[in-house]
Amino acid sequence: MNISVELTLTPLQDSFEEPIISFVKALRASGLTVIENPLSTQVYGEFGAVMQLVQTELKQAFTLMENGLLYMKIVKSDRSTYEPHF
C-alpha cells in the first residue's frame, strides 16, 4: 500500500537550522519521492518504507535538539503527481 506523508519538523529552541537540514537531507537520500516547500516536506512511497524512514530519521533529528515536535499527515495513496484542476 502506498502512502503520502506530510512532515513539519519544529525544533522548540533557538538553534534550529542544523536539525532541520539534517532531517531533510536524510529524507532526500532515501530514494523515495520527496517534495519540499517552505512549510513542509512530503514523502511518498510504500507504507513500510516511508514509516521506517520517518521513525529512523526522526529519532536522529530529536537527538540533535533539546525540544521539538513533528506534525505529520498521512494519506492512503500516492498523491505525488497531484495537480489542481481549477
PDB file of N, CA and C in Angstrom:
ATOM      1  N   MET A   1       0.847  -1.169   0.000  1.00  0.00           N
ATOM      2  CA  MET A   1       0.000   0.000   0.000  1.00  0.00           C
ATOM      3  C   MET A   1       0.897   1.237   0.000  1.00  0.00           C
ATOM      4  N   ASN A   2       0.595   2.176  -0.892  1.00  0.00           N
ATOM      5  CA  ASN A   2       1.344   3.425  -0.961  1.00  0.00           C
ATOM      6  C   ASN A   2       0.681   4.498  -0.118  1.00  0.00           C
ATOM      7  N   ILE A   3       1.524   5.370   0.426  1.00  0.00           N
ATOM      8  CA  ILE A   3       1.030   6.473   1.241  1.00  0.00           C
ATOM      9  C   ILE A   3       1.741   7.760   0.854  1.00  0.00           C
ATOM     10  N   SER A   4       1.136   8.860   1.259  1.00  0.00           N
ATOM     11  CA  SER A   4       1.721  10.195   1.145  1.00  0.00           C
ATOM     12  C   SER A   4       1.787  10.749   2.557  1.00  0.00           C
ATOM     13  N   VAL A   5       2.940  11.278   2.935  1.00  0.00           N
ATOM     14  CA  VAL A   5       3.115  11.799   4.289  1.00  0.00           C
ATOM     15  C   VAL A   5       3.636  13.227   4.205  1.00  0.00           C
ATOM     16  N   GLU A   6       2.983  14.115   4.913  1.00  0.00           N
ATOM     17  CA  GLU A   6       3.456  15.495   5.017  1.00  0.00           C
ATOM     18  C   GLU A   6       4.058  15.690   6.404  1.00  0.00           C
ATOM     19  N   LEU A   7       5.278  16.206   6.453  1.00  0.00           N
ATOM     20  CA  LEU A   7       6.007  16.373   7.706  1.00  0.00           C
ATOM     21  C   LEU A   7       6.393  17.826   7.905  1.00  0.00           C
ATOM     22  N   THR A   8       6.182  18.318   9.117  1.00  0.00           N
ATOM     23  CA  THR A   8       6.682  19.619   9.513  1.00  0.00           C
ATOM     24  C   THR A   8       7.416  19.434  10.831  1.00  0.00           C
ATOM     25  N   LEU A   9       8.736  19.557  10.781  1.00  0.00           N
ATOM     26  CA  LEU A   9       9.578  19.408  11.964  1.00  0.00           C
ATOM     27  C   LEU A   9       9.808  20.782  12.567  1.00  0.00           C
ATOM     28  N   THR A  10       9.499  20.924  13.857  1.00  0.00           N
ATOM     29  CA  THR A  10       9.604  22.209  14.532  1.00  0.00           C
ATOM     30  C   THR A  10      10.431  22.080  15.801  1.00  0.00           C
ATOM     31  N   PRO A  11      11.720  22.417  15.734  1.00  0.00           N
ATOM     32  CA  PRO A  11      12.513  22.453  16.960  1.00  0.00           C
ATOM     33  C   PRO A  11      12.052  23.632  17.831  1.00  0.00           C
ATOM     34  N   LEU A  12      11.925  23.398  19.107  1.00  0.00           N
ATOM     35  CA  LEU A  12      11.498  24.445  20.041  1.00  0.00           C
ATOM     36  C   LEU A  12      12.730  24.975  20.774  1.00  0.00           C
ATOM     37  N   GLN A  13      13.613  25.586  19.989  1.00  0.00           N
ATOM     38  CA  GLN A  13      14.861  26.103  20.539  1.00  0.00           C
ATOM     39  C   GLN A  13      15.406  27.139  19.575  1.00  0.00           C
ATOM     40  N   ASP A  14      16.377  27.914  20.017  1.00  0.00           N
ATOM     41  CA  ASP A  14      16.939  28.966  19.185  1.00  0.00           C
ATOM     42  C   ASP A  14      17.772  28.423  18.024  1.00  0.00           C
ATOM     43  N   SER A  15      18.571  27.414  18.265  1.00  0.00           N
ATOM     44  CA  SER A  15      19.416  26.852  17.207  1.00  0.00           C
ATOM     45  C   SER A  15      18.647  25.728  16.507  1.00  0.00           C
ATOM     46  N   PHE A  16      17.936  26.080  15.445  1.00  0.00           N
ATOM     47  CA  PHE A  16      17.026  25.125  14.816  1.00  0.00           C
ATOM     48  C   PHE A  16      17.469  24.656  13.438  1.00  0.00           C
ATOM     49  N   GLU A  17      18.411  25.345  12.815  1.00  0.00           N
ATOM     50  CA  GLU A  17      18.740  25.025  11.432  1.00  0.00           C
ATOM     51  C   GLU A  17      19.371  23.647  11.253  1.00  0.00           C
ATOM     52  N   GLU A  18      20.356  23.286  12.066  1.00  0.00           N
ATOM     53  CA  GLU A  18      21.062  22.015  11.889  1.00  0.00           C
ATOM     54  C   GLU A  18      20.132  20.801  11.951  1.00  0.00           C
ATOM     55  N   PRO A  19      19.255  20.696  12.953  1.00  0.00           N
ATOM     56  CA  PRO A  19      18.367  19.524  12.977  1.00  0.00           C
ATOM     57  C   PRO A  19      17.446  19.430  11.764  1.00  0.00           C
ATOM     58  N   ILE A  20      16.932  20.560  11.293  1.00  0.00           N
ATOM     59  CA  ILE A  20      16.031  20.546  10.142  1.00  0.00           C
ATOM     60  C   ILE A  20      16.785  20.177   8.872  1.00  0.00           C
ATOM     61  N   ILE A  21      17.935  20.778   8.654  1.00  0.00           N
ATOM     62  CA  ILE A  21      18.724  20.490   7.457  1.00  0.00           C
ATOM     63  C   ILE A  21      19.136  19.024   7.423  1.00  0.00           C
ATOM     64  N   SER A  22      19.593  18.500   8.529  1.00  0.00           N
ATOM     65  CA  SER A  22      19.991  17.090   8.592  1.00  0.00           C
ATOM     66  C   SER A  22      18.808  16.171   8.305  1.00  0.00           C
ATOM     67  N   PHE A  23      17.654  16.484   8.870  1.00  0.00           N
ATOM     68  CA  PHE A  23      16.444  15.683   8.677  1.00  0.00           C
ATOM     69  C   PHE A  23      16.045  15.655   7.200  1.00  0.00           C
ATOM     70  N   VAL A  24      15.985  16.818   6.574  1.00  0.00           N
ATOM     71  CA  VAL A  24      15.569  16.899   5.174  1.00  0.00           C
ATOM     72  C   VAL A  24      16.588  16.224   4.258  1.00  0.00           C
ATOM     73  N   LYS A  25      17.875  16.401   4.520  1.00  0.00           N
ATOM     74  CA  LYS A  25      18.896  15.736   3.702  1.00  0.00           C
ATOM     75  C   LYS A  25      18.786  14.215   3.796  1.00  0.00           C
ATOM     76  N   ALA A  26      18.488  13.702   4.969  1.00  0.00           N
ATOM     77  CA  ALA A  26      18.322  12.257   5.135  1.00  0.00           C
ATOM     78  C   ALA A  26      17.096  11.762   4.366  1.00  0.00           C
ATOM     79  N   LEU A  27      16.015  12.522   4.384  1.00  0.00           N
ATOM     80  CA  LEU A  27      14.828  12.142   3.619  1.00  0.00           C
ATOM     81  C   LEU A  27      15.148  12.124   2.130  1.00  0.00           C
ATOM     82  N   ARG A  28      15.857  13.148   1.657  1.00  0.00           N
ATOM     83  CA  ARG A  28      16.233  13.222   0.237  1.00  0.00           C
ATOM     84  C   ARG A  28      17.065  12.015  -0.183  1.00  0.00           C
ATOM     85  N   ALA A  29      17.960  11.570   0.687  1.00  0.00           N
ATOM     86  CA  ALA A  29      18.885  10.481   0.366  1.00  0.00           C
ATOM     87  C   ALA A  29      18.232   9.108   0.404  1.00  0.00           C
ATOM     88  N   SER A  30      16.973   9.027   0.785  1.00  0.00           N
ATOM     89  CA  SER A  30      16.294   7.743   0.989  1.00  0.00           C
ATOM     90  C   SER A  30      15.972   6.991  -0.295  1.00  0.00           C
ATOM     91  N   GLY A  31      15.905   7.690  -1.410  1.00  0.00           N
ATOM     92  CA  GLY A  31      15.482   7.056  -2.645  1.00  0.00           C
ATOM     93  C   GLY A  31      13.983   7.112  -2.868  1.00  0.00           C
ATOM     94  N   LEU A  32      13.240   7.551  -1.865  1.00  0.00           N
ATOM     95  CA  LEU A  32      11.794   7.726  -2.007  1.00  0.00           C
ATOM     96  C   LEU A  32      11.523   9.076  -2.673  1.00  0.00           C
ATOM     97  N   THR A  33      10.307   9.279  -3.140  1.00  0.00           N
ATOM     98  CA  THR A  33       9.927  10.568  -3.708  1.00  0.00           C
ATOM     99  C   THR A  33       9.750  11.560  -2.573  1.00  0.00           C
ATOM    100  N   VAL A  34      10.503  12.661  -2.619  1.00  0.00           N
ATOM    101  CA  VAL A  34      10.455  13.697  -1.588  1.00  0.00           C
ATOM    102  C   VAL A  34      10.238  15.042  -2.279  1.00  0.00           C
ATOM    103  N   ILE A  35       9.215  15.763  -1.852  1.00  0.00           N
ATOM    104  CA  ILE A  35       8.919  17.087  -2.387  1.00  0.00           C
ATOM    105  C   ILE A  35       8.911  18.060  -1.218  1.00  0.00           C
ATOM    106  N   GLU A  36       9.622  19.163  -1.387  1.00  0.00           N
ATOM    107  CA  GLU A  36       9.742  20.156  -0.312  1.00  0.00           C
ATOM    108  C   GLU A  36       9.071  21.460  -0.717  1.00  0.00           C
ATOM    109  N   ASN A  37       8.594  22.176   0.283  1.00  0.00           N
ATOM    110  CA  ASN A  37       8.148  23.552   0.105  1.00  0.00           C
ATOM    111  C   ASN A  37       8.552  24.309   1.365  1.00  0.00           C
ATOM    112  N   PRO A  38       8.328  25.608   1.435  1.00  0.00           N
ATOM    113  CA  PRO A  38       8.800  26.366   2.597  1.00  0.00           C
ATOM    114  C   PRO A  38       8.166  25.969   3.939  1.00  0.00           C
ATOM    115  N   LEU A  39       7.033  25.290   3.912  1.00  0.00           N
ATOM    116  CA  LEU A  39       6.327  24.973   5.150  1.00  0.00           C
ATOM    117  C   LEU A  39       6.406  23.512   5.579  1.00  0.00           C
ATOM    118  N   SER A  40       6.706  22.612   4.631  1.00  0.00           N
ATOM    119  CA  SER A  40       6.711  21.190   4.980  1.00  0.00           C
ATOM    120  C   SER A  40       7.484  20.387   3.943  1.00  0.00           C
ATOM    121  N   THR A  41       7.625  19.112   4.232  1.00  0.00           N
ATOM    122  CA  THR A  41       8.254  18.163   3.323  1.00  0.00           C
ATOM    123  C   THR A  41       7.303  16.989   3.162  1.00  0.00           C
ATOM    124  N   GLN A  42       7.098  16.573   1.920  1.00  0.00           N
ATOM    125  CA  GLN A  42       6.229  15.434   1.658  1.00  0.00           C
ATOM    126  C   GLN A  42       7.082  14.248   1.209  1.00  0.00           C
ATOM    127  N   VAL A  43       6.720  13.063   1.696  1.00  0.00           N
ATOM    128  CA  VAL A  43       7.405  11.828   1.332  1.00  0.00           C
ATOM    129  C   VAL A  43       6.346  10.860   0.808  1.00  0.00           C
ATOM    130  N   TYR A  44       6.657  10.215  -0.319  1.00  0.00           N
ATOM    131  CA  TYR A  44       5.710   9.325  -0.982  1.00  0.00           C
ATOM    132  C   TYR A  44       6.357   7.962  -1.193  1.00  0.00           C
ATOM    133  N   GLY A  45       5.589   6.904  -0.955  1.00  0.00           N
ATOM    134  CA  GLY A  45       6.112   5.574  -1.201  1.00  0.00           C
ATOM    135  C   GLY A  45       5.325   4.508  -0.484  1.00  0.00           C
ATOM    136  N   GLU A  46       5.915   3.318  -0.430  1.00  0.00           N
ATOM    137  CA  GLU A  46       5.291   2.168   0.217  1.00  0.00           C
ATOM    138  C   GLU A  46       5.225   2.401   1.727  1.00  0.00           C
ATOM    139  N   PHE A  47       4.115   2.028   2.328  1.00  0.00           N
ATOM    140  CA  PHE A  47       3.850   2.307   3.743  1.00  0.00           C
ATOM    141  C   PHE A  47       5.024   1.959   4.647  1.00  0.00           C
ATOM    142  N   GLY A  48       5.509   0.723   4.572  1.00  0.00           N
ATOM    143  CA  GLY A  48       6.584   0.284   5.458  1.00  0.00           C
ATOM    144  C   GLY A  48       7.852   1.080   5.279  1.00  0.00           C
ATOM    145  N   ALA A  49       8.208   1.369   4.031  1.00  0.00           N
ATOM    146  CA  ALA A  49       9.438   2.117   3.756  1.00  0.00           C
ATOM    147  C   ALA A  49       9.348   3.547   4.264  1.00  0.00           C
ATOM    148  N   VAL A  50       8.207   4.193   4.030  1.00  0.00           N
ATOM    149  CA  VAL A  50       8.045   5.584   4.474  1.00  0.00           C
ATOM    150  C   VAL A  50       8.042   5.666   5.998  1.00  0.00           C
ATOM    151  N   MET A  51       7.287   4.798   6.644  1.00  0.00           N
ATOM    152  CA  MET A  51       7.187   4.866   8.096  1.00  0.00           C
ATOM    153  C   MET A  51       8.512   4.509   8.769  1.00  0.00           C
ATOM    154  N   GLN A  52       9.244   3.548   8.212  1.00  0.00           N
ATOM    155  CA  GLN A  52      10.566   3.205   8.760  1.00  0.00           C
ATOM    156  C   GLN A  52      11.519   4.383   8.619  1.00  0.00           C
ATOM    157  N   LEU A  53      11.487   5.040   7.464  1.00  0.00           N
ATOM    158  CA  LEU A  53      12.334   6.214   7.246  1.00  0.00           C
ATOM    159  C   LEU A  53      12.004   7.315   8.246  1.00  0.00           C
ATOM    160  N   VAL A  54      10.724   7.616   8.414  1.00  0.00           N
ATOM    161  CA  VAL A  54      10.320   8.670   9.356  1.00  0.00           C
ATOM    162  C   VAL A  54      10.772   8.307  10.770  1.00  0.00           C
ATOM    163  N   GLN A  55      10.557   7.071  11.183  1.00  0.00           N
ATOM    164  CA  GLN A  55      10.943   6.654  12.529  1.00  0.00           C
ATOM    165  C   GLN A  55      12.451   6.808  12.742  1.00  0.00           C
ATOM    166  N   THR A  56      13.226   6.309  11.816  1.00  0.00           N
ATOM    167  CA  THR A  56      14.689   6.351  11.950  1.00  0.00           C
ATOM    168  C   THR A  56      15.217   7.773  11.946  1.00  0.00           C
ATOM    169  N   GLU A  57      14.781   8.569  10.981  1.00  0.00           N
ATOM    170  CA  GLU A  57      15.322   9.927  10.843  1.00  0.00           C
ATOM    171  C   GLU A  57      14.771  10.883  11.890  1.00  0.00           C
ATOM    172  N   LEU A  58      13.558  10.655  12.353  1.00  0.00           N
ATOM    173  CA  LEU A  58      13.026  11.490  13.432  1.00  0.00           C
ATOM    174  C   LEU A  58      13.795  11.252  14.724  1.00  0.00           C
ATOM    175  N   LYS A  59      14.112  10.003  14.997  1.00  0.00           N
ATOM    176  CA  LYS A  59      14.902   9.701  16.194  1.00  0.00           C
ATOM    177  C   LYS A  59      16.246  10.419  16.132  1.00  0.00           C
ATOM    178  N   GLN A  60      16.884  10.381  14.964  1.00  0.00           N
ATOM    179  CA  GLN A  60      18.163  11.068  14.803  1.00  0.00           C
ATOM    180  C   GLN A  60      17.988  12.581  14.970  1.00  0.00           C
ATOM    181  N   ALA A  61      16.957  13.160  14.375  1.00  0.00           N
ATOM    182  CA  ALA A  61      16.719  14.601  14.483  1.00  0.00           C
ATOM    183  C   ALA A  61      16.466  15.005  15.933  1.00  0.00           C
ATOM    184  N   PHE A  62      15.695  14.195  16.648  1.00  0.00           N
ATOM    185  CA  PHE A  62      15.410  14.522  18.046  1.00  0.00           C
ATOM    186  C   PHE A  62      16.664  14.465  18.922  1.00  0.00           C
ATOM    187  N   THR A  63      17.667  13.662  18.537  1.00  0.00           N
ATOM    188  CA  THR A  63      18.911  13.651  19.312  1.00  0.00           C
ATOM    189  C   THR A  63      19.693  14.946  19.120  1.00  0.00           C
ATOM    190  N   LEU A  64      19.413  15.676  18.020  1.00  0.00           N
ATOM    191  CA  LEU A  64      20.120  16.932  17.744  1.00  0.00           C
ATOM    192  C   LEU A  64      19.444  18.155  18.361  1.00  0.00           C
ATOM    193  N   MET A  65      18.290  17.952  18.986  1.00  0.00           N
ATOM    194  CA  MET A  65      17.570  19.093  19.562  1.00  0.00           C
ATOM    195  C   MET A  65      17.137  18.791  20.985  1.00  0.00           C
ATOM    196  N   GLU A  66      17.015  19.854  21.745  1.00  0.00           N
ATOM    197  CA  GLU A  66      16.588  19.703  23.135  1.00  0.00           C
ATOM    198  C   GLU A  66      15.092  19.426  23.219  1.00  0.00           C
ATOM    199  N   ASN A  67      14.308  20.194  22.477  1.00  0.00           N
ATOM    200  CA  ASN A  67      12.852  20.038  22.444  1.00  0.00           C
ATOM    201  C   ASN A  67      12.381  20.246  21.012  1.00  0.00           C
ATOM    202  N   GLY A  68      11.394  19.475  20.602  1.00  0.00           N
ATOM    203  CA  GLY A  68      10.871  19.655  19.259  1.00  0.00           C
ATOM    204  C   GLY A  68       9.585  18.886  19.064  1.00  0.00           C
ATOM    205  N   LEU A  69       8.910  19.207  17.963  1.00  0.00           N
ATOM    206  CA  LEU A  69       7.715  18.456  17.631  1.00  0.00           C
ATOM    207  C   LEU A  69       7.632  18.228  16.144  1.00  0.00           C
ATOM    208  N   LEU A  70       6.904  17.197  15.783  1.00  0.00           N
ATOM    209  CA  LEU A  70       6.714  16.833  14.394  1.00  0.00           C
ATOM    210  C   LEU A  70       5.212  16.761  14.126  1.00  0.00           C
ATOM    211  N   TYR A  71       4.774  17.559  13.138  1.00  0.00           N
ATOM    212  CA  TYR A  71       3.404  17.459  12.655  1.00  0.00           C
ATOM    213  C   TYR A  71       3.432  16.514  11.465  1.00  0.00           C
ATOM    214  N   MET A  72       2.518  15.545  11.450  1.00  0.00           N
ATOM    215  CA  MET A  72       2.518  14.566  10.371  1.00  0.00           C
ATOM    216  C   MET A  72       1.089  14.311   9.907  1.00  0.00           C
ATOM    217  N   LYS A  73       0.902  14.354   8.598  1.00  0.00           N
ATOM    218  CA  LYS A  73      -0.374  13.990   7.976  1.00  0.00           C
ATOM    219  C   LYS A  73      -0.099  12.816   7.053  1.00  0.00           C
ATOM    220  N   ILE A  74      -0.991  11.834   7.070  1.00  0.00           N
ATOM    221  CA  ILE A  74      -0.823  10.650   6.234  1.00  0.00           C
ATOM    222  C   ILE A  74      -2.079  10.449   5.390  1.00  0.00           C
ATOM    223  N   VAL A  75      -1.872  10.224   4.096  1.00  0.00           N
ATOM    224  CA  VAL A  75      -2.960   9.920   3.175  1.00  0.00           C
ATOM    225  C   VAL A  75      -2.706   8.536   2.588  1.00  0.00           C
ATOM    226  N   LYS A  76      -3.724   7.718   2.532  1.00  0.00           N
ATOM    227  CA  LYS A  76      -3.576   6.364   1.997  1.00  0.00           C
ATOM    228  C   LYS A  76      -3.696   6.389   0.468  1.00  0.00           C
ATOM    229  N   SER A  77      -2.660   6.864  -0.161  1.00  0.00           N
ATOM    230  CA  SER A  77      -2.487   6.835  -1.616  1.00  0.00           C
ATOM    231  C   SER A  77      -1.257   7.661  -1.938  1.00  0.00           C
ATOM    232  N   ASP A  78      -0.718   7.446  -3.109  1.00  0.00           N
ATOM    233  CA  ASP A  78       0.428   8.234  -3.557  1.00  0.00           C
ATOM    234  C   ASP A  78      -0.103   9.454  -4.295  1.00  0.00           C
ATOM    235  N   ARG A  79       0.016  10.611  -3.682  1.00  0.00           N
ATOM    236  CA  ARG A  79      -0.500  11.851  -4.246  1.00  0.00           C
ATOM    237  C   ARG A  79       0.613  12.713  -4.859  1.00  0.00           C
ATOM    238  N   SER A  80       1.765  12.112  -5.143  1.00  0.00           N
ATOM    239  CA  SER A  80       2.918  12.869  -5.608  1.00  0.00           C
ATOM    240  C   SER A  80       2.708  13.522  -6.974  1.00  0.00           C
ATOM    241  N   THR A  81       1.781  13.036  -7.760  1.00  0.00           N
ATOM    242  CA  THR A  81       1.536  13.615  -9.077  1.00  0.00           C
ATOM    243  C   THR A  81       0.303  14.524  -9.100  1.00  0.00           C
ATOM    244  N   TYR A  82      -0.232  14.833  -7.937  1.00  0.00           N
ATOM    245  CA  TYR A  82      -1.439  15.662  -7.851  1.00  0.00           C
ATOM    246  C   TYR A  82      -1.201  17.037  -8.454  1.00  0.00           C
ATOM    247  N   GLU A  83      -2.143  17.491  -9.274  1.00  0.00           N
ATOM    248  CA  GLU A  83      -2.153  18.850  -9.786  1.00  0.00           C
ATOM    249  C   GLU A  83      -3.576  19.354  -9.674  1.00  0.00           C
ATOM    250  N   PRO A  84      -3.758  20.586  -9.195  1.00  0.00           N
ATOM    251  CA  PRO A  84      -5.110  21.129  -9.092  1.00  0.00           C
ATOM    252  C   PRO A  84      -5.766  21.235 -10.485  1.00  0.00           C
ATOM    253  N   HIS A  85      -7.066  21.032 -10.547  1.00  0.00           N
ATOM    254  CA  HIS A  85      -7.793  21.077 -11.802  1.00  0.00           C
ATOM    255  C   HIS A  85      -8.698  22.303 -11.868  1.00  0.00           C
ATOM    256  N   PHE A  86      -8.237  23.417 -11.317  1.00  0.00           N
ATOM    257  CA  PHE A  86      -9.040  24.643 -11.375  1.00  0.00           C
ATOM    258  C   PHE A  86      -8.168  25.823 -11.651  1.00  0.00           C
TER     259      PHE A  86
END
